[in-house]
C-alpha atoms as a PDB file:
ATOM      1  CA  MET A   1      65.443 116.251 -97.949  1.00  0.00           C
ATOM      2  CA  ASN A   2      67.931 116.247-100.730  1.00  0.00           C
ATOM      3  CA  ASN A   3      70.109 113.221-101.342  1.00  0.00           C
ATOM      4  CA  ILE A   4      73.804 113.960-101.092  1.00  0.00           C
ATOM      5  CA  SER A   5      76.642 111.864-102.656  1.00  0.00           C
ATOM      6  CA  MET A   6      79.436 111.007-100.263  1.00  0.00           C
ATOM      7  CA  ASP A   7      82.782 109.563-101.223  1.00  0.00           C
ATOM      8  CA  VAL A   8      83.752 106.337 -99.133  1.00  0.00           C
ATOM      9  CA  GLN A   9      86.113 103.433-100.033  1.00  0.00           C
ATOM     10  CA  VAL A  10      85.960  99.936 -99.230  1.00  0.00           C
ATOM     11  CA  ARG A  11      88.532  99.142 -96.480  1.00  0.00           C
ATOM     12  CA  ASN A  12      90.694  96.034 -97.074  1.00  0.00           C
ATOM     13  CA  THR A  13      92.158  95.791 -93.787  1.00  0.00           C
ATOM     14  CA  VAL A  14      90.568  95.669 -90.176  1.00  0.00           C
ATOM     15  CA  GLY A  15      91.854  95.727 -86.601  1.00  0.00           C
ATOM     16  CA  ASN A  16      93.055  98.405 -84.182  1.00  0.00           C
ATOM     17  CA  GLY A  17      96.394  98.906 -85.790  1.00  0.00           C
ATOM     18  CA  SER A  18      94.677  99.219 -89.257  1.00  0.00           C
ATOM     19  CA  ALA A  19      92.298 101.660 -87.752  1.00  0.00           C
ATOM     20  CA  ASN A  20      94.903 103.865 -86.027  1.00  0.00           C
ATOM     21  CA  ARG A  21      97.044 103.909 -89.222  1.00  0.00           C
ATOM     22  CA  LEU A  22      93.904 105.178 -90.946  1.00  0.00           C
ATOM     23  CA  ARG A  23      93.179 108.059 -88.529  1.00  0.00           C
ATOM     24  CA  ASN A  24      96.824 109.149 -88.552  1.00  0.00           C
ATOM     25  CA  SER A  25      96.374 109.237 -92.478  1.00  0.00           C
ATOM     26  CA  GLY A  26      93.342 111.615 -92.264  1.00  0.00           C
ATOM     27  CA  TYR A  27      90.605 108.994 -92.547  1.00  0.00           C
ATOM     28  CA  ILE A  28      88.032 107.592 -90.474  1.00  0.00           C
ATOM     29  CA  PRO A  29      87.286 103.938 -90.302  1.00  0.00           C
ATOM     30  CA  GLY A  30      83.810 102.861 -90.582  1.00  0.00           C
ATOM     31  CA  VAL A  31      81.088 100.075 -91.679  1.00  0.00           C
ATOM     32  CA  VAL A  32      78.110 100.265 -94.051  1.00  0.00           C
ATOM     33  CA  TYR A  33      75.350  97.513 -93.215  1.00  0.00           C
ATOM     34  CA  GLY A  34      71.591  97.087 -93.720  1.00  0.00           C
ATOM     35  CA  LYS A  35      68.926  94.865 -95.418  1.00  0.00           C
ATOM     36  CA  ASP A  36      69.915  92.575 -98.361  1.00  0.00           C
ATOM     37  CA  MET A  37      73.744  93.443 -98.039  1.00  0.00           C
ATOM     38  CA  GLU A  38      76.724  92.210 -95.795  1.00  0.00           C
ATOM     39  CA  ALA A  39      78.178  94.372 -93.518  1.00  0.00           C
ATOM     40  CA  THR A  40      81.146  96.160 -95.463  1.00  0.00           C
ATOM     41  CA  PRO A  41      84.082  97.984 -93.892  1.00  0.00           C
ATOM     42  CA  ILE A  42      84.629 101.376 -95.316  1.00  0.00           C
ATOM     43  CA  GLN A  43      86.923 104.509 -94.772  1.00  0.00           C
ATOM     44  CA  ILE A  44      86.126 108.138 -95.551  1.00  0.00           C
ATOM     45  CA  GLU A  45      88.241 111.471 -95.218  1.00  0.00           C
ATOM     46  CA  SER A  46      87.730 112.897 -91.910  1.00  0.00           C
ATOM     47  CA  SER A  47      87.415 116.384 -93.215  1.00  0.00           C
ATOM     48  CA  VAL A  48      84.838 115.243 -95.441  1.00  0.00           C
ATOM     49  CA  LEU A  49      82.795 113.758 -92.813  1.00  0.00           C
ATOM     50  CA  SER A  50      83.185 116.792 -90.707  1.00  0.00           C
ATOM     51  CA  GLN A  51      81.969 118.976 -93.614  1.00  0.00           C
ATOM     52  CA  TYR A  52      78.929 117.076 -94.219  1.00  0.00           C
ATOM     53  CA  LEU A  53      77.992 116.619 -90.478  1.00  0.00           C
ATOM     54  CA  ARG A  54      78.164 120.258 -90.288  1.00  0.00           C
ATOM     55  CA  HIS A  55      76.165 121.313 -93.139  1.00  0.00           C
ATOM     56  CA  TYR A  56      73.591 118.548 -93.386  1.00  0.00           C
ATOM     57  CA  GLY A  57      73.593 116.576 -90.290  1.00  0.00           C
ATOM     58  CA  LYS A  58      72.976 112.924 -89.358  1.00  0.00           C
ATOM     59  CA  ASN A  59      69.612 112.337 -91.018  1.00  0.00           C
ATOM     60  CA  THR A  60      70.359 113.179 -94.327  1.00  0.00           C
ATOM     61  CA  ILE A  61      70.375 110.403 -97.037  1.00  0.00           C
ATOM     62  CA  TYR A  62      73.943 110.118 -98.262  1.00  0.00           C
ATOM     63  CA  ASN A  63      74.429 108.314-101.548  1.00  0.00           C
ATOM     64  CA  ILE A  64      77.286 106.077-101.610  1.00  0.00           C
ATOM     65  CA  THR A  65      78.969 103.749-104.133  1.00  0.00           C
ATOM     66  CA  LEU A  66      80.148 100.421-102.992  1.00  0.00           C
ATOM     67  CA  ASN A  67      81.344  97.652-105.787  1.00  0.00           C
ATOM     68  CA  ASN A  68      79.636  99.581-108.457  1.00  0.00           C
ATOM     69  CA  GLU A  69      76.192  99.744-106.686  1.00  0.00           C
ATOM     70  CA  ASN A  70      74.692 102.978-105.552  1.00  0.00           C
ATOM     71  CA  ILE A  71      73.474 102.746-101.916  1.00  0.00           C
ATOM     72  CA  GLN A  72      71.152 104.987 -99.933  1.00  0.00           C
ATOM     73  CA  THR A  73      72.476 105.351 -96.208  1.00  0.00           C
ATOM     74  CA  VAL A  74      72.085 107.605 -93.122  1.00  0.00           C
ATOM     75  CA  ILE A  75      74.650 108.096 -90.671  1.00  0.00           C
ATOM     76  CA  GLN A  76      73.368 105.638 -87.837  1.00  0.00           C
ATOM     77  CA  ASP A  77      76.360 106.167 -85.218  1.00  0.00           C
ATOM     78  CA  ILE A  78      79.445 107.974 -84.708  1.00  0.00           C
ATOM     79  CA  GLN A  79      82.020 107.221 -82.230  1.00  0.00           C
ATOM     80  CA  VAL A  80      84.133 110.330 -80.797  1.00  0.00           C
ATOM     81  CA  ASP A  81      87.280 110.403 -78.810  1.00  0.00           C
ATOM     82  CA  PRO A  82      86.269 112.360 -75.720  1.00  0.00           C
ATOM     83  CA  LEU A  83      89.784 113.767 -75.065  1.00  0.00           C
ATOM     84  CA  LYS A  84      90.589 114.869 -78.678  1.00  0.00           C
ATOM     85  CA  ASN A  85      87.204 115.502 -79.528  1.00  0.00           C
ATOM     86  CA  GLU A  86      87.598 113.672 -82.645  1.00  0.00           C
ATOM     87  CA  TYR A  87      85.643 111.411 -84.933  1.00  0.00           C
ATOM     88  CA  VAL A  88      87.236 107.847 -84.456  1.00  0.00           C
ATOM     89  CA  HIS A  89      84.574 105.492 -86.169  1.00  0.00           C
ATOM     90  CA  VAL A  90      81.231 106.060 -88.285  1.00  0.00           C
ATOM     91  CA  ASP A  91      78.339 103.439 -89.145  1.00  0.00           C
ATOM     92  CA  LEU A  92      76.457 103.974 -92.117  1.00  0.00           C
ATOM     93  CA  HIS A  93      72.923 102.398 -92.251  1.00  0.00           C
ATOM     94  CA  ARG A  94      71.446 101.282 -95.784  1.00  0.00           C
ATOM     95  CA  VAL A  95      67.934 102.430 -95.877  1.00  0.00           C
ATOM     96  CA  SER A  96      64.929 101.990 -98.238  1.00  0.00           C
ATOM     97  CA  LEU A  97      63.095 104.954 -99.447  1.00  0.00           C
ATOM     98  CA  ASN A  98      59.753 103.093 -99.046  1.00  0.00           C
ATOM     99  CA  GLU A  99      60.376 102.202 -95.643  1.00  0.00           C
ATOM    100  CA  ALA A 100      59.620 104.296 -92.625  1.00  0.00           C
ATOM    101  CA  ARG A 101      62.410 104.638 -89.925  1.00  0.00           C
ATOM    102  CA  GLU A 102      62.760 105.934 -86.531  1.00  0.00           C
ATOM    103  CA  ALA A 103      65.135 108.755 -85.995  1.00  0.00           C
ATOM    104  CA  GLN A 104      66.062 111.272 -83.441  1.00  0.00           C
ATOM    105  CA  VAL A 105      66.018 115.083 -84.559  1.00  0.00           C
ATOM    106  CA  PRO A 106      67.630 117.850 -82.902  1.00  0.00           C
ATOM    107  CA  ILE A 107      65.545 120.533 -81.662  1.00  0.00           C
ATOM    108  CA  LYS A 108      66.641 124.059 -82.836  1.00  0.00           C
ATOM    109  CA  ILE A 109      65.691 126.885 -80.397  1.00  0.00           C
ATOM    110  CA  VAL A 110      65.488 130.481 -82.003  1.00  0.00           C
ATOM    111  CA  GLY A 111      64.182 133.802 -80.591  1.00  0.00           C
ATOM    112  CA  LYS A 112      65.527 133.634 -77.144  1.00  0.00           C
ATOM    113  CA  SER A 113      67.556 137.209 -76.900  1.00  0.00           C
ATOM    114  CA  ARG A 114      64.575 139.232 -75.844  1.00  0.00           C
ATOM    115  CA  GLN A 115      63.638 137.390 -72.751  1.00  0.00           C
ATOM    116  CA  GLU A 116      67.335 136.771 -71.918  1.00  0.00           C
ATOM    117  CA  ARG A 117      68.105 140.644 -72.318  1.00  0.00           C
ATOM    118  CA  SER A 118      65.143 140.988 -69.480  1.00  0.00           C
ATOM    119  CA  GLY A 119      66.958 138.621 -67.259  1.00  0.00           C
ATOM    120  CA  SER A 120      64.437 135.444 -67.873  1.00  0.00           C
ATOM    121  CA  VAL A 121      66.170 132.050 -67.781  1.00  0.00           C
ATOM    122  CA  PHE A 122      65.317 129.409 -70.299  1.00  0.00           C
ATOM    123  CA  SER A 123      65.429 125.840 -69.198  1.00  0.00           C
ATOM    124  CA  GLN A 124      65.889 123.278 -72.021  1.00  0.00           C
ATOM    125  CA  GLN A 125      64.687 119.960 -71.144  1.00  0.00           C
ATOM    126  CA  LEU A 126      64.932 118.192 -74.375  1.00  0.00           C
ATOM    127  CA  ASN A 127      67.636 118.464 -77.283  1.00  0.00           C
ATOM    128  CA  HIS A 128      65.895 116.082 -79.522  1.00  0.00           C
ATOM    129  CA  ILE A 129      62.757 114.279 -80.495  1.00  0.00           C
ATOM    130  CA  THR A 130      62.150 110.973 -81.972  1.00  0.00           C
ATOM    131  CA  VAL A 131      60.081 110.674 -84.901  1.00  0.00           C
ATOM    132  CA  LYS A 132      59.163 108.070 -87.435  1.00  0.00           C
ATOM    133  CA  GLY A 133      58.853 108.501 -91.181  1.00  0.00           C
ATOM    134  CA  LEU A 134      60.176 107.819 -94.579  1.00  0.00           C
ATOM    135  CA  PRO A 135      63.985 108.758 -94.682  1.00  0.00           C
ATOM    136  CA  GLN A 136      63.496 111.579 -97.304  1.00  0.00           C
ATOM    137  CA  ASP A 137      60.998 112.997 -94.947  1.00  0.00           C
ATOM    138  CA  ILE A 138      62.865 113.267 -91.635  1.00  0.00           C
ATOM    139  CA  PRO A 139      64.096 116.852 -91.272  1.00  0.00           C
ATOM    140  CA  GLU A 140      67.769 117.874 -90.182  1.00  0.00           C
ATOM    141  CA  TYR A 141      66.155 119.640 -87.212  1.00  0.00           C
ATOM    142  CA  ILE A 142      62.837 120.867 -85.650  1.00  0.00           C
ATOM    143  CA  GLN A 143      63.129 124.664 -85.206  1.00  0.00           C
ATOM    144  CA  VAL A 144      61.192 125.908 -82.121  1.00  0.00           C
ATOM    145  CA  ASN A 145      60.558 129.708 -81.968  1.00  0.00           C
ATOM    146  CA  VAL A 146      60.464 130.815 -78.284  1.00  0.00           C
ATOM    147  CA  SER A 147      60.266 134.797 -78.922  1.00  0.00           C
ATOM    148  CA  ASP A 148      56.594 135.113 -77.795  1.00  0.00           C
ATOM    149  CA  MET A 149      56.765 133.086 -74.344  1.00  0.00           C
ATOM    150  CA  LYS A 150      56.333 134.959 -71.257  1.00  0.00           C
ATOM    151  CA  ILE A 151      57.586 133.787 -67.798  1.00  0.00           C
ATOM    152  CA  GLY A 152      55.938 130.817 -66.566  1.00  0.00           C
ATOM    153  CA  ASP A 153      55.227 129.452 -70.053  1.00  0.00           C
ATOM    154  CA  SER A 154      56.573 126.053 -71.237  1.00  0.00           C
ATOM    155  CA  LEU A 155      56.379 124.249 -74.657  1.00  0.00           C
ATOM    156  CA  LYS A 156      55.626 120.814 -74.921  1.00  0.00           C
ATOM    157  CA  ILE A 157      56.060 118.261 -77.574  1.00  0.00           C
ATOM    158  CA  GLY A 158      52.377 118.678 -78.407  1.00  0.00           C
ATOM    159  CA  ASP A 159      53.034 122.403 -79.219  1.00  0.00           C
ATOM    160  CA  LEU A 160      55.667 121.780 -81.591  1.00  0.00           C
ATOM    161  CA  LEU A 161      54.797 122.332 -85.414  1.00  0.00           C
ATOM    162  CA  ILE A 162      55.743 118.725 -86.651  1.00  0.00           C
ATOM    163  CA  PRO A 163      55.328 117.713 -90.511  1.00  0.00           C
ATOM    164  CA  GLY A 164      52.036 115.820 -90.820  1.00  0.00           C
ATOM    165  CA  ASN A 165      54.187 113.109 -92.631  1.00  0.00           C
ATOM    166  CA  LEU A 166      55.947 112.265 -89.349  1.00  0.00           C
ATOM    167  CA  GLU A 167      54.928 110.263 -86.236  1.00  0.00           C
ATOM    168  CA  VAL A 168      56.161 111.602 -83.080  1.00  0.00           C
ATOM    169  CA  ILE A 169      57.278 108.800 -80.867  1.00  0.00           C
ATOM    170  CA  ASN A 170      57.687 111.122 -77.614  1.00  0.00           C
ATOM    171  CA  ASN A 171      54.895 111.758 -75.186  1.00  0.00           C
ATOM    172  CA  PRO A 172      53.133 115.078 -76.216  1.00  0.00           C
ATOM    173  CA  ASN A 173      53.146 116.011 -72.666  1.00  0.00           C
ATOM    174  CA  GLU A 174      56.854 116.138 -72.428  1.00  0.00           C
ATOM    175  CA  VAL A 175      58.184 119.929 -71.737  1.00  0.00           C
ATOM    176  CA  VAL A 176      60.832 120.873 -74.284  1.00  0.00           C
ATOM    177  CA  ILE A 177      61.629 124.356 -72.779  1.00  0.00           C
ATOM    178  CA  SER A 178      60.272 126.666 -69.879  1.00  0.00           C
ATOM    179  CA  LEU A 179      60.854 130.205 -69.007  1.00  0.00           C
ATOM    180  CA  THR A 180      61.344 131.175 -65.512  1.00  0.00           C
ATOM    181  CA  PRO A 181      62.573 134.447 -63.784  1.00  0.00           C
ATOM    182  CA  ALA A 182      66.188 135.007 -63.050  1.00  0.00           C
ATOM    183  CA  LYS A 183      67.133 133.929 -59.537  1.00  0.00           C
ATOM    184  CA  SER A 184      67.906 136.914 -57.372  1.00  0.00           C
ATOM    185  CA  VAL A 185      71.341 137.163 -55.662  1.00  0.00           C
ATOM    186  CA  THR A 186      69.671 138.161 -52.503  1.00  0.00           C
ATOM    187  CA  ASP A 187      67.543 134.893 -52.622  1.00  0.00           C
ATOM    188  CA  ASP A 188      70.881 132.932 -52.332  1.00  0.00           C
ATOM    189  CA  LEU A 189      72.276 135.511 -49.465  1.00  0.00           C
ATOM    190  CA  ASN A 190      68.935 135.646 -47.503  1.00  0.00           C
ATOM    191  CA  PRO A 191      67.401 131.979 -47.670  1.00  0.00           C
ATOM    192  CA  LYS A 192      63.917 131.947 -46.391  1.00  0.00           C
ATOM    193  CA  ASP A 193      63.542 129.770 -43.168  1.00  0.00           C
ATOM    194  CA  ASP A 194      60.059 128.599 -42.408  1.00  0.00           C
ATOM    195  CA  THR A 195      61.203 126.509 -39.274  1.00  0.00           C
ATOM    196  CA  PRO A 196      58.983 127.526 -36.386  1.00  0.00           C
ATOM    197  CA  ALA A 197      60.970 129.132 -33.595  1.00  0.00           C
ATOM    198  CA  ASP A 198      60.029 126.820 -30.815  1.00  0.00           C
ATOM    199  CA  ALA A 199      61.342 123.922 -33.126  1.00  0.00           C
ATOM    200  CA  VAL A 200      64.836 125.172 -32.760  1.00  0.00           C
ATOM    201  CA  PRO A 201      66.573 123.740 -29.634  1.00  0.00           C
ATOM    202  CA  VAL A 202      67.929 126.195 -27.015  1.00  0.00           C
ATOM    203  CA  ILE A 203      71.465 125.461 -25.774  1.00  0.00           C
ATOM    204  CA  GLY A 204      71.650 124.984 -22.311  1.00  0.00           C
ATOM    205  CA  ASP A 205      68.079 123.923 -21.685  1.00  0.00           C
ATOM    206  CA  ASP A 206      67.989 120.122 -22.502  1.00  0.00           C
ATOM    207  CA  GLU A 207      67.874 117.273 -20.344  1.00  0.00           C
ATOM    208  CA  ARG A 208      71.716 116.562 -20.401  1.00  0.00           C
ATOM    209  CA  GLU A 209      72.516 119.888 -18.915  1.00  0.00           C
ATOM    210  CA  THR A 210      69.339 119.991 -16.385  1.00  0.00           C
ATOM    211  CA  ASN A 211      71.081 116.459 -15.183  1.00  0.00           C
ATOM    212  CA  ALA A 212      74.496 117.650 -14.973  1.00  0.00           C
ATOM    213  CA  THR A 213      73.941 120.642 -12.600  1.00  0.00           C
END
């Protein structure tokens, strides 16, 4: 995975009021932390962060410069305003290119159209997997091609094509995605009832009505 340079600036003021003013001016407050460094408040342009995430994702190594020092980082966490759907804070974690780390890698599903056109339904149980490896070896996503799946098939973690330099943390028997037949409308309108006929009480033939007559 290529290293991407990202422009950040040291943030000289902290606190909720300062953070809100930054956001109103088009910047996102954040912090850089990691081994052999003190946590440092930063700011980054909101449009820049959005663009980088869209093109490169969280697991890319981002080169930043702080106090004339070049630092390799990854995006450890992003806080999002659920109402405005806007980034409000970002954590960058300093990494060493010689030390393995765990990371969550998104699963990208391709090849669904043919089965969906025939009325089949995909059920995706996992949206990401957890892997461990050197920062530069961790991919932006794991691609899964489901074009050859048949109804009743399922793909598990152990079926995925994972680069050999990565260790998968998930259980290999975890189901990623399965293919089932579409549920018929008549199934909903005519639910099957397996209750025996003699198990249904007959109105007017119980002990209370017998005693009342």
